[in-house]
């Protein structure tokens, strides 16, 4: 099993400076999904990556 390396202190400082927000998404009449820690400067490429991951969990009806 591969071990993950701990992030360096420099990486911690970079992550702390990223401004993020939470996005409540009314999905169904009785369900609101919260997407957390989205960067305020989210790019289209990053948004597409997130959308692709979410689509992979969908059940075809």
PDB file of N, CA and C in Angstrom:
ATOM      1  N   UNK A   1       0.846  -1.171   0.000  1.00  0.00           N
ATOM      2  CA  UNK A   1       0.000   0.000   0.000  1.00  0.00           C
ATOM      3  C   UNK A   1       0.895   1.239   0.000  1.00  0.00           C
ATOM      4  N   UNK A   2       0.630   2.170  -0.888  1.00  0.00           N
ATOM      5  CA  UNK A   2       1.433   3.388  -0.979  1.00  0.00           C
ATOM      6  C   UNK A   2       1.041   4.358   0.122  1.00  0.00           C
ATOM      7  N   UNK A   3       2.029   5.021   0.655  1.00  0.00           N
ATOM      8  CA  UNK A   3       1.773   6.021   1.685  1.00  0.00           C
ATOM      9  C   UNK A   3       1.702   7.393   1.037  1.00  0.00           C
ATOM     10  N   UNK A   4       0.787   8.197   1.519  1.00  0.00           N
ATOM     11  CA  UNK A   4       0.691   9.567   1.038  1.00  0.00           C
ATOM     12  C   UNK A   4       1.675  10.427   1.805  1.00  0.00           C
ATOM     13  N   UNK A   5       2.319  11.307   1.086  1.00  0.00           N
ATOM     14  CA  UNK A   5       3.225  12.236   1.742  1.00  0.00           C
ATOM     15  C   UNK A   5       2.412  13.363   2.357  1.00  0.00           C
ATOM     16  N   UNK A   6       2.825  13.796   3.518  1.00  0.00           N
ATOM     17  CA  UNK A   6       2.180  14.946   4.146  1.00  0.00           C
ATOM     18  C   UNK A   6       2.534  16.196   3.363  1.00  0.00           C
ATOM     19  N   UNK A   7       1.568  17.101   3.200  1.00  0.00           N
ATOM     20  CA  UNK A   7       1.886  18.326   2.479  1.00  0.00           C
ATOM     21  C   UNK A   7       2.904  19.150   3.263  1.00  0.00           C
ATOM     22  N   UNK A   8       3.733  19.853   2.533  1.00  0.00           N
ATOM     23  CA  UNK A   8       4.731  20.693   3.191  1.00  0.00           C
ATOM     24  C   UNK A   8       4.058  21.913   3.799  1.00  0.00           C
ATOM     25  N   UNK A   9       4.774  22.600   4.648  1.00  0.00           N
ATOM     26  CA  UNK A   9       4.234  23.813   5.277  1.00  0.00           C
ATOM     27  C   UNK A   9       3.912  24.866   4.219  1.00  0.00           C
ATOM     28  N   UNK A  10       4.731  24.944   3.168  1.00  0.00           N
ATOM     29  CA  UNK A  10       4.472  25.912   2.094  1.00  0.00           C
ATOM     30  C   UNK A  10       3.143  25.610   1.416  1.00  0.00           C
ATOM     31  N   UNK A  11       2.849  24.329   1.182  1.00  0.00           N
ATOM     32  CA  UNK A  11       1.573  23.953   0.564  1.00  0.00           C
ATOM     33  C   UNK A  11       0.415  24.303   1.484  1.00  0.00           C
ATOM     34  N   UNK A  12       0.570  24.110   2.795  1.00  0.00           N
ATOM     35  CA  UNK A  12      -0.478  24.468   3.748  1.00  0.00           C
ATOM     36  C   UNK A  12      -0.820  25.947   3.637  1.00  0.00           C
ATOM     37  N   UNK A  13       0.199  26.788   3.534  1.00  0.00           N
ATOM     38  CA  UNK A  13      -0.024  28.227   3.455  1.00  0.00           C
ATOM     39  C   UNK A  13      -0.744  28.599   2.171  1.00  0.00           C
ATOM     40  N   UNK A  14      -0.428  27.944   1.063  1.00  0.00           N
ATOM     41  CA  UNK A  14      -1.105  28.213  -0.203  1.00  0.00           C
ATOM     42  C   UNK A  14      -2.570  27.843  -0.087  1.00  0.00           C
ATOM     43  N   UNK A  15      -2.865  26.678   0.490  1.00  0.00           N
ATOM     44  CA  UNK A  15      -4.245  26.231   0.629  1.00  0.00           C
ATOM     45  C   UNK A  15      -5.041  27.167   1.526  1.00  0.00           C
ATOM     46  N   UNK A  16      -4.419  27.727   2.541  1.00  0.00           N
ATOM     47  CA  UNK A  16      -5.113  28.621   3.454  1.00  0.00           C
ATOM     48  C   UNK A  16      -5.511  29.928   2.778  1.00  0.00           C
ATOM     49  N   UNK A  17      -4.806  30.323   1.726  1.00  0.00           N
ATOM     50  CA  UNK A  17      -5.104  31.590   1.076  1.00  0.00           C
ATOM     51  C   UNK A  17      -6.167  31.460  -0.013  1.00  0.00           C
ATOM     52  N   UNK A  18      -6.575  30.255  -0.352  1.00  0.00           N
ATOM     53  CA  UNK A  18      -7.601  30.054  -1.372  1.00  0.00           C
ATOM     54  C   UNK A  18      -8.961  30.415  -0.778  1.00  0.00           C
ATOM     55  N   UNK A  19      -9.633  31.358  -1.393  1.00  0.00           N
ATOM     56  CA  UNK A  19     -10.956  31.761  -0.918  1.00  0.00           C
ATOM     57  C   UNK A  19     -11.989  30.816  -1.521  1.00  0.00           C
ATOM     58  N   UNK A  20     -12.836  30.259  -0.658  1.00  0.00           N
ATOM     59  CA  UNK A  20     -13.822  29.277  -1.100  1.00  0.00           C
ATOM     60  C   UNK A  20     -15.222  29.696  -0.664  1.00  0.00           C
ATOM     61  N   UNK A  21     -16.205  28.983  -1.194  1.00  0.00           N
ATOM     62  CA  UNK A  21     -17.591  29.218  -0.794  1.00  0.00           C
ATOM     63  C   UNK A  21     -18.360  27.909  -0.824  1.00  0.00           C
ATOM     64  N   UNK A  22     -19.521  27.916  -0.169  1.00  0.00           N
ATOM     65  CA  UNK A  22     -20.432  26.768  -0.171  1.00  0.00           C
ATOM     66  C   UNK A  22     -21.577  27.092  -1.118  1.00  0.00           C
ATOM     67  N   UNK A  23     -22.027  26.083  -1.839  1.00  0.00           N
ATOM     68  CA  UNK A  23     -23.097  26.280  -2.810  1.00  0.00           C
ATOM     69  C   UNK A  23     -24.258  25.341  -2.494  1.00  0.00           C
ATOM     70  N   UNK A  24     -25.367  25.869  -1.953  1.00  0.00           N
ATOM     71  CA  UNK A  24     -26.539  25.023  -1.750  1.00  0.00           C
ATOM     72  C   UNK A  24     -27.268  24.838  -3.088  1.00  0.00           C
ATOM     73  N   UNK A  25     -27.562  23.595  -3.419  1.00  0.00           N
ATOM     74  CA  UNK A  25     -28.227  23.288  -4.690  1.00  0.00           C
ATOM     75  C   UNK A  25     -29.560  22.607  -4.391  1.00  0.00           C
ATOM     76  N   UNK A  26     -30.697  23.286  -4.642  1.00  0.00           N
ATOM     77  CA  UNK A  26     -31.991  22.626  -4.463  1.00  0.00           C
ATOM     78  C   UNK A  26     -32.135  21.542  -5.536  1.00  0.00           C
ATOM     79  N   UNK A  27     -31.997  20.285  -5.117  1.00  0.00           N
ATOM     80  CA  UNK A  27     -31.976  19.184  -6.074  1.00  0.00           C
ATOM     81  C   UNK A  27     -33.370  18.608  -6.298  1.00  0.00           C
ATOM     82  N   UNK A  28     -34.070  18.426  -5.216  1.00  0.00           N
ATOM     83  CA  UNK A  28     -35.448  17.910  -5.258  1.00  0.00           C
ATOM     84  C   UNK A  28     -36.289  18.764  -4.331  1.00  0.00           C
ATOM     85  N   UNK A  29     -37.592  18.527  -4.358  1.00  0.00           N
ATOM     86  CA  UNK A  29     -38.496  19.318  -3.526  1.00  0.00           C
ATOM     87  C   UNK A  29     -38.105  19.276  -2.048  1.00  0.00           C
ATOM     88  N   UNK A  30     -37.616  18.123  -1.594  1.00  0.00           N
ATOM     89  CA  UNK A  30     -37.296  17.960  -0.171  1.00  0.00           C
ATOM     90  C   UNK A  30     -35.806  17.752   0.088  1.00  0.00           C
ATOM     91  N   UNK A  31     -34.953  18.163  -0.846  1.00  0.00           N
ATOM     92  CA  UNK A  31     -33.524  17.900  -0.696  1.00  0.00           C
ATOM     93  C   UNK A  31     -32.680  19.039  -1.264  1.00  0.00           C
ATOM     94  N   UNK A  32     -31.835  19.577  -0.400  1.00  0.00           N
ATOM     95  CA  UNK A  32     -30.861  20.576  -0.831  1.00  0.00           C
ATOM     96  C   UNK A  32     -29.482  19.975  -0.613  1.00  0.00           C
ATOM     97  N   UNK A  33     -28.690  19.915  -1.676  1.00  0.00           N
ATOM     98  CA  UNK A  33     -27.333  19.377  -1.616  1.00  0.00           C
ATOM     99  C   UNK A  33     -26.377  20.553  -1.439  1.00  0.00           C
ATOM    100  N   UNK A  34     -25.414  20.406  -0.541  1.00  0.00           N
ATOM    101  CA  UNK A  34     -24.420  21.460  -0.336  1.00  0.00           C
ATOM    102  C   UNK A  34     -23.091  21.033  -0.945  1.00  0.00           C
ATOM    103  N   UNK A  35     -22.582  21.831  -1.846  1.00  0.00           N
ATOM    104  CA  UNK A  35     -21.251  21.607  -2.405  1.00  0.00           C
ATOM    105  C   UNK A  35     -20.325  22.567  -1.661  1.00  0.00           C
ATOM    106  N   UNK A  36     -19.325  22.013  -0.998  1.00  0.00           N
ATOM    107  CA  UNK A  36     -18.466  22.789  -0.101  1.00  0.00           C
ATOM    108  C   UNK A  36     -17.100  23.060  -0.710  1.00  0.00           C
ATOM    109  N   UNK A  37     -16.488  24.110  -0.235  1.00  0.00           N
ATOM    110  CA  UNK A  37     -15.091  24.448  -0.541  1.00  0.00           C
ATOM    111  C   UNK A  37     -14.803  24.678  -2.020  1.00  0.00           C
ATOM    112  N   UNK A  38     -15.753  25.218  -2.744  1.00  0.00           N
ATOM    113  CA  UNK A  38     -15.486  25.588  -4.135  1.00  0.00           C
ATOM    114  C   UNK A  38     -14.638  26.854  -4.141  1.00  0.00           C
ATOM    115  N   UNK A  39     -13.588  26.885  -4.936  1.00  0.00           N
ATOM    116  CA  UNK A  39     -12.786  28.108  -4.986  1.00  0.00           C
ATOM    117  C   UNK A  39     -13.573  29.231  -5.666  1.00  0.00           C
ATOM    118  N   UNK A  40     -13.421  30.430  -5.150  1.00  0.00           N
ATOM    119  CA  UNK A  40     -14.134  31.577  -5.731  1.00  0.00           C
ATOM    120  C   UNK A  40     -13.694  31.852  -7.163  1.00  0.00           C
ATOM    121  N   UNK A  41     -12.502  31.411  -7.514  1.00  0.00           N
ATOM    122  CA  UNK A  41     -12.011  31.609  -8.882  1.00  0.00           C
ATOM    123  C   UNK A  41     -12.088  30.311  -9.692  1.00  0.00           C
ATOM    124  N   UNK A  42     -13.146  29.530  -9.459  1.00  0.00           N
ATOM    125  CA  UNK A  42     -13.363  28.250 -10.140  1.00  0.00           C
ATOM    126  C   UNK A  42     -13.319  28.438 -11.658  1.00  0.00           C
ATOM    127  N   UNK A  43     -12.502  27.649 -12.324  1.00  0.00           N
ATOM    128  CA  UNK A  43     -12.400  27.747 -13.785  1.00  0.00           C
ATOM    129  C   UNK A  43     -13.439  26.833 -14.443  1.00  0.00           C
ATOM    130  N   UNK A  44     -13.687  27.053 -15.719  1.00  0.00           N
ATOM    131  CA  UNK A  44     -14.615  26.188 -16.451  1.00  0.00           C
ATOM    132  C   UNK A  44     -14.092  24.761 -16.486  1.00  0.00           C
ATOM    133  N   UNK A  45     -12.788  24.596 -16.635  1.00  0.00           N
ATOM    134  CA  UNK A  45     -12.192  23.258 -16.656  1.00  0.00           C
ATOM    135  C   UNK A  45     -12.431  22.537 -15.324  1.00  0.00           C
ATOM    136  N   UNK A  46     -12.258  23.241 -14.221  1.00  0.00           N
ATOM    137  CA  UNK A  46     -12.501  22.640 -12.905  1.00  0.00           C
ATOM    138  C   UNK A  46     -13.982  22.308 -12.729  1.00  0.00           C
ATOM    139  N   UNK A  47     -14.854  23.202 -13.175  1.00  0.00           N
ATOM    140  CA  UNK A  47     -16.292  22.959 -13.086  1.00  0.00           C
ATOM    141  C   UNK A  47     -16.682  21.733 -13.911  1.00  0.00           C
ATOM    142  N   UNK A  48     -16.100  21.597 -15.092  1.00  0.00           N
ATOM    143  CA  UNK A  48     -16.364  20.424 -15.932  1.00  0.00           C
ATOM    144  C   UNK A  48     -15.903  19.144 -15.242  1.00  0.00           C
ATOM    145  N   UNK A  49     -14.741  19.196 -14.586  1.00  0.00           N
ATOM    146  CA  UNK A  49     -14.233  18.022 -13.868  1.00  0.00           C
ATOM    147  C   UNK A  49     -15.184  17.616 -12.752  1.00  0.00           C
ATOM    148  N   UNK A  50     -15.674  18.593 -12.005  1.00  0.00           N
ATOM    149  CA  UNK A  50     -16.620  18.306 -10.922  1.00  0.00           C
ATOM    150  C   UNK A  50     -17.906  17.720 -11.498  1.00  0.00           C
ATOM    151  N   UNK A  51     -18.407  18.311 -12.571  1.00  0.00           N
ATOM    152  CA  UNK A  51     -19.639  17.824 -13.200  1.00  0.00           C
ATOM    153  C   UNK A  51     -19.481  16.388 -13.684  1.00  0.00           C
ATOM    154  N   UNK A  52     -18.332  16.062 -14.255  1.00  0.00           N
ATOM    155  CA  UNK A  52     -18.075  14.702 -14.737  1.00  0.00           C
ATOM    156  C   UNK A  52     -18.090  13.706 -13.583  1.00  0.00           C
ATOM    157  N   UNK A  53     -17.489  14.085 -12.466  1.00  0.00           N
ATOM    158  CA  UNK A  53     -17.473  13.197 -11.297  1.00  0.00           C
ATOM    159  C   UNK A  53     -18.889  12.978 -10.785  1.00  0.00           C
ATOM    160  N   UNK A  54     -19.666  14.034 -10.681  1.00  0.00           N
ATOM    161  CA  UNK A  54     -21.046  13.903 -10.200  1.00  0.00           C
ATOM    162  C   UNK A  54     -21.867  13.048 -11.162  1.00  0.00           C
ATOM    163  N   UNK A  55     -21.707  13.255 -12.465  1.00  0.00           N
ATOM    164  CA  UNK A  55     -22.444  12.460 -13.458  1.00  0.00           C
ATOM    165  C   UNK A  55     -22.123  10.975 -13.345  1.00  0.00           C
ATOM    166  N   UNK A  56     -20.914  10.646 -12.926  1.00  0.00           N
ATOM    167  CA  UNK A  56     -20.531   9.233 -12.823  1.00  0.00           C
ATOM    168  C   UNK A  56     -21.327   8.495 -11.749  1.00  0.00           C
ATOM    169  N   UNK A  57     -21.952   9.218 -10.837  1.00  0.00           N
ATOM    170  CA  UNK A  57     -22.745   8.594  -9.777  1.00  0.00           C
ATOM    171  C   UNK A  57     -24.225   8.477 -10.140  1.00  0.00           C
ATOM    172  N   UNK A  58     -24.630   9.059 -11.250  1.00  0.00           N
ATOM    173  CA  UNK A  58     -26.043   9.054 -11.636  1.00  0.00           C
ATOM    174  C   UNK A  58     -26.498   7.659 -12.053  1.00  0.00           C
ATOM    175  N   UNK A  59     -27.741   7.357 -11.720  1.00  0.00           N
ATOM    176  CA  UNK A  59     -28.363   6.085 -12.092  1.00  0.00           C
ATOM    177  C   UNK A  59     -29.281   6.354 -13.279  1.00  0.00           C
ATOM    178  N   UNK A  60     -29.081   5.595 -14.358  1.00  0.00           N
ATOM    179  CA  UNK A  60     -29.944   5.766 -15.529  1.00  0.00           C
ATOM    180  C   UNK A  60     -31.334   5.251 -15.201  1.00  0.00           C
ATOM    181  N   UNK A  61     -32.330   6.032 -15.597  1.00  0.00           N
ATOM    182  CA  UNK A  61     -33.716   5.636 -15.306  1.00  0.00           C
ATOM    183  C   UNK A  61     -34.439   5.282 -16.576  1.00  0.00           C
TER     184      UNK A  61
END
